Amino acid sequence: MPHKLTPFIPAEKIADRVKVMGREITDSYESDGPLVCICVLKGAFLFFADIIRKIDREIEVDFVRLASYGTATSRSEDIVFSKDLEVSIEGKDVLVIEDIVDTGHSMDFLLHVLRRRNPKSLKICALIDKHERREMDVSVDFPGFKLSDGFIVGYGLDYAERYRELDGIYELSTASDS
């Protein structure tokens, strides 16, 4: 079934927003010690690469990857790490960088695990915040764009591992959606 991609957020608008977010993040932390920036793979990798270069302070980087198993894949107890952190976050400021937060189940699971590791602070930065779909009590501290609906791809966001490489964000529809 062919897909239709409709431009939604152009690359230039993303770049401008990332620059502003970098300043907001820089201004929100005191400058003592490094900020640990955690990329949630796979979707956040392009956004992560761009945003960390706009944060004007010492940073450490690490990566996590979450996987859902079972029939109720949106339930937090079915979520496990398929790649865990390699650096200690104890006593450090931590910024989780995610591509999209919608229902909040995955982020709730990740925050719960990270809090047990005793960070000094723990905040979320997400390119896309779909707050209207939130089922868990998760707040995005640094939202890029707030959206209510639509299935989007590009700039790291995928559909069946396709379209991550696009420099902008597109709304995806199928021929049957028309």
N, C-alpha and C. Protein backbone atom coordinates (compact mmCIF):
# COMPACT_ATOMS: atom_id res chain seq x y z
N MET A 1 0.85 -1.18 0.00
CA MET A 1 0.00 0.00 0.00
C MET A 1 0.90 1.25 0.00
N PRO A 2 0.74 2.13 -0.97
CA PRO A 2 1.59 3.31 -1.04
C PRO A 2 1.30 4.31 0.08
N HIS A 3 2.34 5.01 0.46
CA HIS A 3 2.22 6.02 1.51
C HIS A 3 2.26 7.40 0.88
N LYS A 4 1.53 8.30 1.50
CA LYS A 4 1.56 9.70 1.10
C LYS A 4 2.22 10.48 2.23
N LEU A 5 3.22 11.29 1.90
CA LEU A 5 3.89 12.12 2.89
C LEU A 5 3.53 13.58 2.63
N THR A 6 2.92 14.21 3.61
CA THR A 6 2.55 15.61 3.51
C THR A 6 3.46 16.43 4.42
N PRO A 7 4.19 17.42 3.86
CA PRO A 7 5.06 18.23 4.72
C PRO A 7 4.29 18.80 5.91
N PHE A 8 4.90 18.70 7.09
CA PHE A 8 4.24 19.12 8.32
C PHE A 8 5.08 20.15 9.08
N ILE A 9 6.33 19.80 9.38
CA ILE A 9 7.24 20.75 10.02
C ILE A 9 8.55 20.73 9.21
N PRO A 10 8.85 21.82 8.50
CA PRO A 10 10.04 21.85 7.66
C PRO A 10 11.34 21.86 8.48
N ALA A 11 12.41 21.42 7.84
CA ALA A 11 13.71 21.33 8.50
C ALA A 11 14.15 22.65 9.12
N GLU A 12 13.87 23.76 8.45
CA GLU A 12 14.28 25.07 8.95
C GLU A 12 13.58 25.41 10.26
N LYS A 13 12.31 25.07 10.35
CA LYS A 13 11.55 25.34 11.58
C LYS A 13 12.07 24.45 12.72
N ILE A 14 12.42 23.21 12.41
CA ILE A 14 13.00 22.32 13.42
C ILE A 14 14.32 22.90 13.92
N ALA A 15 15.18 23.32 12.99
CA ALA A 15 16.49 23.88 13.37
C ALA A 15 16.33 25.10 14.25
N ASP A 16 15.39 25.99 13.92
CA ASP A 16 15.16 27.18 14.73
C ASP A 16 14.69 26.80 16.14
N ARG A 17 13.79 25.84 16.22
CA ARG A 17 13.25 25.42 17.52
C ARG A 17 14.33 24.74 18.35
N VAL A 18 15.16 23.93 17.72
CA VAL A 18 16.26 23.24 18.43
C VAL A 18 17.22 24.27 19.03
N LYS A 19 17.51 25.32 18.30
CA LYS A 19 18.40 26.37 18.79
C LYS A 19 17.82 27.03 20.05
N VAL A 20 16.54 27.35 20.01
CA VAL A 20 15.87 27.96 21.16
C VAL A 20 15.84 26.98 22.34
N MET A 21 15.53 25.74 22.07
CA MET A 21 15.49 24.73 23.13
C MET A 21 16.87 24.57 23.78
N GLY A 22 17.92 24.61 22.98
CA GLY A 22 19.28 24.51 23.53
C GLY A 22 19.56 25.62 24.53
N ARG A 23 19.11 26.83 24.22
CA ARG A 23 19.28 27.96 25.16
C ARG A 23 18.45 27.75 26.41
N GLU A 24 17.21 27.29 26.23
CA GLU A 24 16.33 27.04 27.39
C GLU A 24 16.94 25.99 28.32
N ILE A 25 17.47 24.94 27.75
CA ILE A 25 18.09 23.88 28.54
C ILE A 25 19.33 24.42 29.26
N THR A 26 20.18 25.13 28.53
CA THR A 26 21.39 25.71 29.12
C THR A 26 21.04 26.60 30.30
N ASP A 27 20.04 27.45 30.12
CA ASP A 27 19.65 28.41 31.16
C ASP A 27 18.99 27.75 32.37
N SER A 28 18.48 26.54 32.21
CA SER A 28 17.72 25.92 33.31
C SER A 28 18.60 25.14 34.29
N TYR A 29 19.87 24.97 33.97
CA TYR A 29 20.76 24.22 34.85
C TYR A 29 21.87 25.11 35.39
N GLU A 30 22.24 24.86 36.63
CA GLU A 30 23.43 25.51 37.17
C GLU A 30 24.63 24.85 36.50
N SER A 31 25.75 25.51 36.50
CA SER A 31 26.89 25.00 35.72
C SER A 31 27.84 24.08 36.50
N ASP A 32 27.43 23.55 37.65
CA ASP A 32 28.33 22.66 38.39
C ASP A 32 28.17 21.22 37.92
N GLY A 33 29.24 20.66 37.39
CA GLY A 33 29.22 19.28 36.93
C GLY A 33 28.56 19.12 35.59
N PRO A 34 28.82 17.98 34.95
CA PRO A 34 28.26 17.75 33.62
C PRO A 34 26.77 17.41 33.67
N LEU A 35 26.12 17.70 32.58
CA LEU A 35 24.74 17.30 32.35
C LEU A 35 24.79 15.99 31.58
N VAL A 36 24.17 14.94 32.11
CA VAL A 36 24.13 13.66 31.40
C VAL A 36 22.92 13.69 30.46
N CYS A 37 23.19 13.64 29.17
CA CYS A 37 22.14 13.63 28.15
C CYS A 37 21.96 12.20 27.67
N ILE A 38 20.75 11.69 27.83
CA ILE A 38 20.45 10.31 27.48
C ILE A 38 19.55 10.29 26.25
N CYS A 39 20.02 9.67 25.19
CA CYS A 39 19.26 9.52 23.97
C CYS A 39 18.45 8.24 24.02
N VAL A 40 17.15 8.34 23.76
CA VAL A 40 16.30 7.17 23.69
C VAL A 40 16.28 6.71 22.22
N LEU A 41 16.92 5.57 21.98
CA LEU A 41 17.03 5.02 20.63
C LEU A 41 15.76 4.31 20.23
N LYS A 42 15.48 4.22 18.97
CA LYS A 42 16.21 4.71 17.84
C LYS A 42 15.76 6.11 17.44
N GLY A 43 14.51 6.41 17.70
CA GLY A 43 13.88 7.59 17.13
C GLY A 43 14.51 8.93 17.42
N ALA A 44 15.16 9.07 18.57
CA ALA A 44 15.66 10.40 18.96
C ALA A 44 17.06 10.71 18.44
N PHE A 45 17.70 9.81 17.70
CA PHE A 45 19.11 10.00 17.39
C PHE A 45 19.43 11.26 16.60
N LEU A 46 18.63 11.65 15.63
CA LEU A 46 18.90 12.88 14.88
C LEU A 46 18.66 14.11 15.74
N PHE A 47 17.55 14.14 16.42
CA PHE A 47 17.23 15.25 17.33
C PHE A 47 18.30 15.37 18.41
N PHE A 48 18.71 14.24 18.98
CA PHE A 48 19.74 14.21 20.02
C PHE A 48 21.03 14.85 19.52
N ALA A 49 21.48 14.43 18.33
CA ALA A 49 22.73 14.97 17.77
C ALA A 49 22.65 16.48 17.60
N ASP A 50 21.51 16.99 17.17
CA ASP A 50 21.36 18.43 16.98
C ASP A 50 21.23 19.18 18.30
N ILE A 51 20.42 18.67 19.22
CA ILE A 51 20.16 19.42 20.46
C ILE A 51 21.39 19.48 21.36
N ILE A 52 22.16 18.41 21.46
CA ILE A 52 23.31 18.45 22.38
C ILE A 52 24.37 19.45 21.91
N ARG A 53 24.41 19.73 20.61
CA ARG A 53 25.36 20.73 20.10
C ARG A 53 24.90 22.15 20.38
N LYS A 54 23.66 22.31 20.82
CA LYS A 54 23.11 23.64 21.16
C LYS A 54 23.08 23.88 22.66
N ILE A 55 23.50 22.91 23.45
CA ILE A 55 23.53 23.05 24.91
C ILE A 55 24.92 23.56 25.29
N ASP A 56 24.98 24.75 25.86
CA ASP A 56 26.24 25.40 26.16
C ASP A 56 26.68 25.10 27.60
N ARG A 57 27.13 23.87 27.81
CA ARG A 57 27.68 23.44 29.09
C ARG A 57 28.33 22.08 28.88
N GLU A 58 29.08 21.66 29.87
CA GLU A 58 29.72 20.35 29.79
C GLU A 58 28.65 19.26 29.83
N ILE A 59 28.77 18.31 28.92
CA ILE A 59 27.79 17.21 28.90
C ILE A 59 28.50 15.87 28.80
N GLU A 60 27.79 14.85 29.26
CA GLU A 60 28.14 13.46 29.02
C GLU A 60 26.99 12.88 28.23
N VAL A 61 27.27 11.93 27.34
CA VAL A 61 26.19 11.33 26.56
C VAL A 61 26.12 9.83 26.82
N ASP A 62 24.92 9.31 26.77
CA ASP A 62 24.70 7.88 26.84
C ASP A 62 23.39 7.57 26.11
N PHE A 63 23.12 6.29 25.94
CA PHE A 63 21.99 5.85 25.14
C PHE A 63 21.25 4.73 25.85
N VAL A 64 19.93 4.73 25.70
CA VAL A 64 19.10 3.62 26.15
C VAL A 64 18.21 3.23 24.99
N ARG A 65 17.77 1.99 25.04
CA ARG A 65 16.78 1.53 24.07
C ARG A 65 15.78 0.68 24.82
N LEU A 66 14.52 0.97 24.60
CA LEU A 66 13.45 0.25 25.26
C LEU A 66 12.76 -0.65 24.25
N ALA A 67 12.29 -1.79 24.73
CA ALA A 67 11.54 -2.70 23.88
C ALA A 67 10.28 -3.11 24.62
N SER A 68 9.19 -3.27 23.88
CA SER A 68 7.92 -3.72 24.45
C SER A 68 7.68 -5.16 24.03
N TYR A 69 7.18 -5.95 24.96
CA TYR A 69 6.91 -7.35 24.68
C TYR A 69 5.53 -7.72 25.17
N GLY A 70 5.00 -8.82 24.66
CA GLY A 70 3.70 -9.30 25.11
C GLY A 70 2.58 -8.73 24.26
N THR A 71 1.36 -9.01 24.68
CA THR A 71 0.21 -8.56 23.89
C THR A 71 -0.21 -7.15 24.25
N ALA A 72 0.05 -6.71 25.45
CA ALA A 72 -0.33 -5.35 25.87
C ALA A 72 0.91 -4.47 25.83
N THR A 73 1.36 -4.15 24.63
CA THR A 73 2.64 -3.49 24.46
C THR A 73 2.67 -2.07 25.00
N SER A 74 1.54 -1.47 25.31
CA SER A 74 1.56 -0.10 25.83
C SER A 74 1.61 -0.08 27.36
N ARG A 75 1.61 -1.24 27.99
CA ARG A 75 1.64 -1.29 29.46
C ARG A 75 3.08 -1.31 29.94
N SER A 76 3.37 -0.53 30.95
CA SER A 76 4.75 -0.35 31.40
C SER A 76 5.40 -1.64 31.86
N GLU A 77 4.65 -2.60 32.41
CA GLU A 77 5.28 -3.82 32.89
C GLU A 77 5.78 -4.70 31.74
N ASP A 78 5.39 -4.40 30.52
CA ASP A 78 5.85 -5.14 29.36
C ASP A 78 7.06 -4.47 28.70
N ILE A 79 7.57 -3.41 29.28
CA ILE A 79 8.68 -2.66 28.71
C ILE A 79 9.97 -3.08 29.41
N VAL A 80 11.00 -3.35 28.63
CA VAL A 80 12.31 -3.71 29.17
C VAL A 80 13.39 -2.94 28.41
N PHE A 81 14.57 -2.87 29.03
CA PHE A 81 15.72 -2.28 28.34
C PHE A 81 16.29 -3.30 27.36
N SER A 82 16.52 -2.88 26.14
CA SER A 82 17.31 -3.71 25.24
C SER A 82 18.72 -3.13 25.15
N LYS A 83 18.91 -1.92 25.67
CA LYS A 83 20.23 -1.32 25.85
C LYS A 83 20.13 -0.38 27.04
N ASP A 84 20.95 -0.63 28.05
CA ASP A 84 20.93 0.16 29.28
C ASP A 84 22.07 1.17 29.27
N LEU A 85 22.04 2.08 30.24
CA LEU A 85 23.10 3.08 30.39
C LEU A 85 24.44 2.42 30.69
N GLU A 86 25.49 3.11 30.30
CA GLU A 86 26.84 2.66 30.62
C GLU A 86 27.51 3.59 31.63
N VAL A 87 26.97 4.81 31.80
CA VAL A 87 27.53 5.76 32.77
C VAL A 87 26.64 5.82 34.01
N SER A 88 27.27 6.14 35.12
CA SER A 88 26.51 6.33 36.36
C SER A 88 25.85 7.70 36.32
N ILE A 89 24.61 7.76 36.78
CA ILE A 89 23.91 9.04 36.84
C ILE A 89 23.71 9.50 38.28
N GLU A 90 24.22 8.76 39.23
CA GLU A 90 24.03 9.10 40.64
C GLU A 90 24.61 10.48 40.94
N GLY A 91 23.77 11.35 41.52
CA GLY A 91 24.20 12.69 41.92
C GLY A 91 24.39 13.66 40.76
N LYS A 92 23.96 13.29 39.56
CA LYS A 92 24.16 14.15 38.38
C LYS A 92 22.82 14.66 37.85
N ASP A 93 22.88 15.80 37.18
CA ASP A 93 21.72 16.30 36.43
C ASP A 93 21.58 15.43 35.19
N VAL A 94 20.35 14.97 34.93
CA VAL A 94 20.09 14.07 33.81
C VAL A 94 18.97 14.64 32.95
N LEU A 95 19.21 14.63 31.64
CA LEU A 95 18.22 15.06 30.66
C LEU A 95 17.96 13.91 29.70
N VAL A 96 16.74 13.40 29.73
CA VAL A 96 16.33 12.34 28.80
C VAL A 96 15.84 13.02 27.53
N ILE A 97 16.40 12.63 26.39
CA ILE A 97 16.04 13.23 25.11
C ILE A 97 15.33 12.18 24.27
N GLU A 98 14.06 12.46 23.96
CA GLU A 98 13.17 11.51 23.30
C GLU A 98 12.61 12.13 22.02
N ASP A 99 12.23 11.30 21.07
CA ASP A 99 11.63 11.82 19.85
C ASP A 99 10.20 12.26 20.07
N ILE A 100 9.39 11.39 20.71
CA ILE A 100 7.98 11.70 20.89
C ILE A 100 7.48 11.10 22.20
N VAL A 101 6.71 11.87 22.94
CA VAL A 101 6.04 11.37 24.14
C VAL A 101 4.55 11.52 23.88
N ASP A 102 3.88 10.37 23.83
CA ASP A 102 2.43 10.43 23.62
C ASP A 102 1.70 9.84 24.82
N THR A 103 1.44 8.55 24.87
CA THR A 103 0.71 8.00 26.02
C THR A 103 1.50 8.13 27.31
N GLY A 104 2.83 8.12 27.20
CA GLY A 104 3.69 8.28 28.36
C GLY A 104 4.10 6.98 29.03
N HIS A 105 3.62 5.85 28.55
CA HIS A 105 3.95 4.57 29.19
C HIS A 105 5.45 4.27 29.18
N SER A 106 6.09 4.40 28.03
CA SER A 106 7.53 4.13 27.95
C SER A 106 8.33 5.10 28.80
N MET A 107 7.96 6.39 28.72
CA MET A 107 8.70 7.39 29.49
C MET A 107 8.49 7.20 30.98
N ASP A 108 7.29 6.85 31.39
CA ASP A 108 7.02 6.58 32.80
C ASP A 108 7.90 5.43 33.30
N PHE A 109 8.00 4.38 32.52
CA PHE A 109 8.85 3.24 32.87
C PHE A 109 10.30 3.69 33.00
N LEU A 110 10.80 4.43 32.01
CA LEU A 110 12.19 4.88 32.02
C LEU A 110 12.48 5.79 33.21
N LEU A 111 11.61 6.74 33.47
CA LEU A 111 11.81 7.66 34.60
C LEU A 111 11.83 6.90 35.92
N HIS A 112 10.96 5.93 36.08
CA HIS A 112 10.92 5.12 37.29
C HIS A 112 12.26 4.41 37.52
N VAL A 113 12.80 3.82 36.46
CA VAL A 113 14.09 3.13 36.55
C VAL A 113 15.21 4.11 36.87
N LEU A 114 15.22 5.25 36.20
CA LEU A 114 16.30 6.23 36.39
C LEU A 114 16.25 6.86 37.78
N ARG A 115 15.07 7.11 38.31
CA ARG A 115 14.96 7.69 39.66
C ARG A 115 15.60 6.79 40.71
N ARG A 116 15.52 5.49 40.52
CA ARG A 116 16.13 4.55 41.48
C ARG A 116 17.65 4.62 41.45
N ARG A 117 18.21 5.28 40.46
CA ARG A 117 19.66 5.43 40.35
C ARG A 117 20.14 6.74 40.95
N ASN A 118 19.26 7.46 41.61
CA ASN A 118 19.56 8.65 42.40
C ASN A 118 20.24 9.81 41.65
N PRO A 119 19.65 10.26 40.55
CA PRO A 119 20.21 11.45 39.91
C PRO A 119 19.93 12.69 40.76
N LYS A 120 20.72 13.72 40.57
CA LYS A 120 20.48 15.01 41.24
C LYS A 120 19.17 15.60 40.73
N SER A 121 18.96 15.55 39.42
CA SER A 121 17.72 16.01 38.82
C SER A 121 17.46 15.16 37.58
N LEU A 122 16.19 15.14 37.16
CA LEU A 122 15.79 14.32 36.02
C LEU A 122 14.72 15.07 35.24
N LYS A 123 15.03 15.43 34.00
CA LYS A 123 14.10 16.18 33.16
C LYS A 123 13.97 15.51 31.80
N ILE A 124 12.89 15.87 31.09
CA ILE A 124 12.62 15.31 29.77
C ILE A 124 12.62 16.41 28.72
N CYS A 125 13.28 16.11 27.61
CA CYS A 125 13.25 16.95 26.41
C CYS A 125 12.70 16.06 25.30
N ALA A 126 11.64 16.49 24.63
CA ALA A 126 11.07 15.70 23.54
C ALA A 126 10.80 16.59 22.34
N LEU A 127 11.14 16.09 21.18
CA LEU A 127 10.87 16.81 19.95
C LEU A 127 9.37 17.02 19.78
N ILE A 128 8.58 15.97 20.03
CA ILE A 128 7.13 16.03 19.87
C ILE A 128 6.46 15.67 21.19
N ASP A 129 5.56 16.52 21.65
CA ASP A 129 4.79 16.27 22.86
C ASP A 129 3.32 16.16 22.46
N LYS A 130 2.80 14.92 22.50
CA LYS A 130 1.38 14.69 22.21
C LYS A 130 0.64 14.56 23.53
N HIS A 131 0.56 15.66 24.26
CA HIS A 131 0.00 15.65 25.61
C HIS A 131 -1.46 15.19 25.65
N GLU A 132 -2.20 15.48 24.62
CA GLU A 132 -3.62 15.10 24.60
C GLU A 132 -3.81 13.58 24.65
N ARG A 133 -2.80 12.81 24.25
CA ARG A 133 -2.89 11.35 24.26
C ARG A 133 -2.34 10.73 25.55
N ARG A 134 -1.90 11.58 26.48
CA ARG A 134 -1.22 11.10 27.69
C ARG A 134 -2.12 10.26 28.56
N GLU A 135 -1.64 9.08 28.93
CA GLU A 135 -2.33 8.17 29.84
C GLU A 135 -1.60 8.08 31.18
N MET A 136 -0.34 8.44 31.20
CA MET A 136 0.48 8.41 32.42
C MET A 136 0.81 9.85 32.81
N ASP A 137 1.09 10.06 34.09
CA ASP A 137 1.41 11.39 34.60
C ASP A 137 2.88 11.72 34.29
N VAL A 138 3.13 12.09 33.06
CA VAL A 138 4.47 12.42 32.59
C VAL A 138 4.43 13.82 31.98
N SER A 139 5.33 14.68 32.43
CA SER A 139 5.42 16.04 31.89
C SER A 139 6.72 16.20 31.12
N VAL A 140 6.63 16.80 29.96
CA VAL A 140 7.82 17.11 29.16
C VAL A 140 8.30 18.49 29.56
N ASP A 141 9.52 18.56 30.10
CA ASP A 141 10.07 19.83 30.57
C ASP A 141 10.45 20.75 29.42
N PHE A 142 10.95 20.16 28.34
CA PHE A 142 11.39 20.93 27.17
C PHE A 142 10.74 20.34 25.92
N PRO A 143 9.51 20.78 25.59
CA PRO A 143 8.85 20.27 24.39
C PRO A 143 9.28 21.05 23.14
N GLY A 144 9.51 20.32 22.07
CA GLY A 144 9.82 20.98 20.81
C GLY A 144 8.56 21.50 20.16
N PHE A 145 7.68 20.57 19.83
CA PHE A 145 6.41 20.91 19.20
C PHE A 145 5.30 20.13 19.90
N LYS A 146 4.20 20.79 20.17
CA LYS A 146 3.04 20.13 20.78
C LYS A 146 2.04 19.81 19.68
N LEU A 147 1.70 18.53 19.58
CA LEU A 147 0.75 18.08 18.57
C LEU A 147 -0.38 17.33 19.23
N SER A 148 -1.53 17.34 18.60
CA SER A 148 -2.66 16.62 19.17
C SER A 148 -2.96 15.33 18.43
N ASP A 149 -2.75 15.30 17.12
CA ASP A 149 -3.06 14.08 16.39
C ASP A 149 -2.20 14.00 15.14
N GLY A 150 -2.43 12.96 14.36
CA GLY A 150 -1.68 12.75 13.13
C GLY A 150 -0.55 11.77 13.33
N PHE A 151 -0.26 11.00 12.31
CA PHE A 151 0.87 10.06 12.35
C PHE A 151 2.00 10.69 11.58
N ILE A 152 3.11 10.96 12.27
CA ILE A 152 4.21 11.70 11.66
C ILE A 152 5.46 10.84 11.54
N VAL A 153 6.27 11.18 10.53
CA VAL A 153 7.53 10.49 10.27
C VAL A 153 8.57 11.54 9.89
N GLY A 154 9.84 11.10 9.88
CA GLY A 154 10.93 11.97 9.48
C GLY A 154 11.70 12.48 10.69
N TYR A 155 12.92 12.95 10.45
CA TYR A 155 13.79 13.48 11.49
C TYR A 155 13.91 12.49 12.66
N GLY A 156 14.09 11.21 12.30
CA GLY A 156 14.25 10.15 13.29
C GLY A 156 13.00 9.34 13.54
N LEU A 157 11.85 9.94 13.35
CA LEU A 157 10.58 9.23 13.54
C LEU A 157 10.33 8.30 12.35
N ASP A 158 9.84 7.09 12.63
CA ASP A 158 9.72 6.12 11.56
C ASP A 158 8.33 5.52 11.46
N TYR A 159 8.14 4.83 10.34
CA TYR A 159 7.04 3.91 10.16
C TYR A 159 7.66 2.63 9.61
N ALA A 160 7.65 1.57 10.41
CA ALA A 160 8.25 0.28 10.02
C ALA A 160 9.70 0.47 9.56
N GLU A 161 10.46 1.26 10.34
CA GLU A 161 11.88 1.55 10.10
C GLU A 161 12.14 2.38 8.84
N ARG A 162 11.12 2.98 8.27
CA ARG A 162 11.28 3.82 7.09
C ARG A 162 11.09 5.29 7.45
N TYR A 163 11.69 6.15 6.67
CA TYR A 163 11.51 7.61 6.71
C TYR A 163 12.30 8.33 7.80
N ARG A 164 13.11 7.64 8.61
CA ARG A 164 13.89 8.31 9.66
C ARG A 164 14.82 9.37 9.09
N GLU A 165 15.34 9.16 7.90
CA GLU A 165 16.38 10.01 7.32
C GLU A 165 15.87 11.36 6.81
N LEU A 166 14.58 11.55 6.73
CA LEU A 166 14.04 12.80 6.21
C LEU A 166 14.40 13.97 7.12
N ASP A 167 14.77 15.11 6.53
CA ASP A 167 15.22 16.24 7.35
C ASP A 167 14.09 17.04 7.96
N GLY A 168 12.89 16.86 7.50
CA GLY A 168 11.71 17.51 8.06
C GLY A 168 10.78 16.46 8.63
N ILE A 169 9.64 16.93 9.15
CA ILE A 169 8.63 16.02 9.67
C ILE A 169 7.43 16.07 8.72
N TYR A 170 6.92 14.87 8.43
CA TYR A 170 5.84 14.72 7.48
C TYR A 170 4.70 13.94 8.12
N GLU A 171 3.48 14.26 7.72
CA GLU A 171 2.34 13.45 8.12
C GLU A 171 2.22 12.33 7.11
N LEU A 172 2.09 11.12 7.64
CA LEU A 172 2.01 9.94 6.79
C LEU A 172 0.57 9.45 6.71
N SER A 173 0.14 9.17 5.52
CA SER A 173 -1.18 8.56 5.31
C SER A 173 -1.03 7.51 4.22
N THR A 174 -1.94 6.58 4.21
CA THR A 174 -1.93 5.54 3.18
C THR A 174 -3.00 5.88 2.15
N ALA A 175 -2.94 5.20 1.03
CA ALA A 175 -3.93 5.44 -0.02
C ALA A 175 -5.34 5.20 0.50
N SER A 176 -5.47 4.26 1.45
CA SER A 176 -6.81 3.95 1.99
C SER A 176 -7.30 5.03 2.96
N ASP A 177 -6.38 5.91 3.45
CA ASP A 177 -6.78 7.00 4.35
C ASP A 177 -7.52 8.11 3.60
N SER A 178 -7.32 8.18 2.29
CA SER A 178 -7.88 9.29 1.51
C SER A 178 -9.36 9.18 1.32
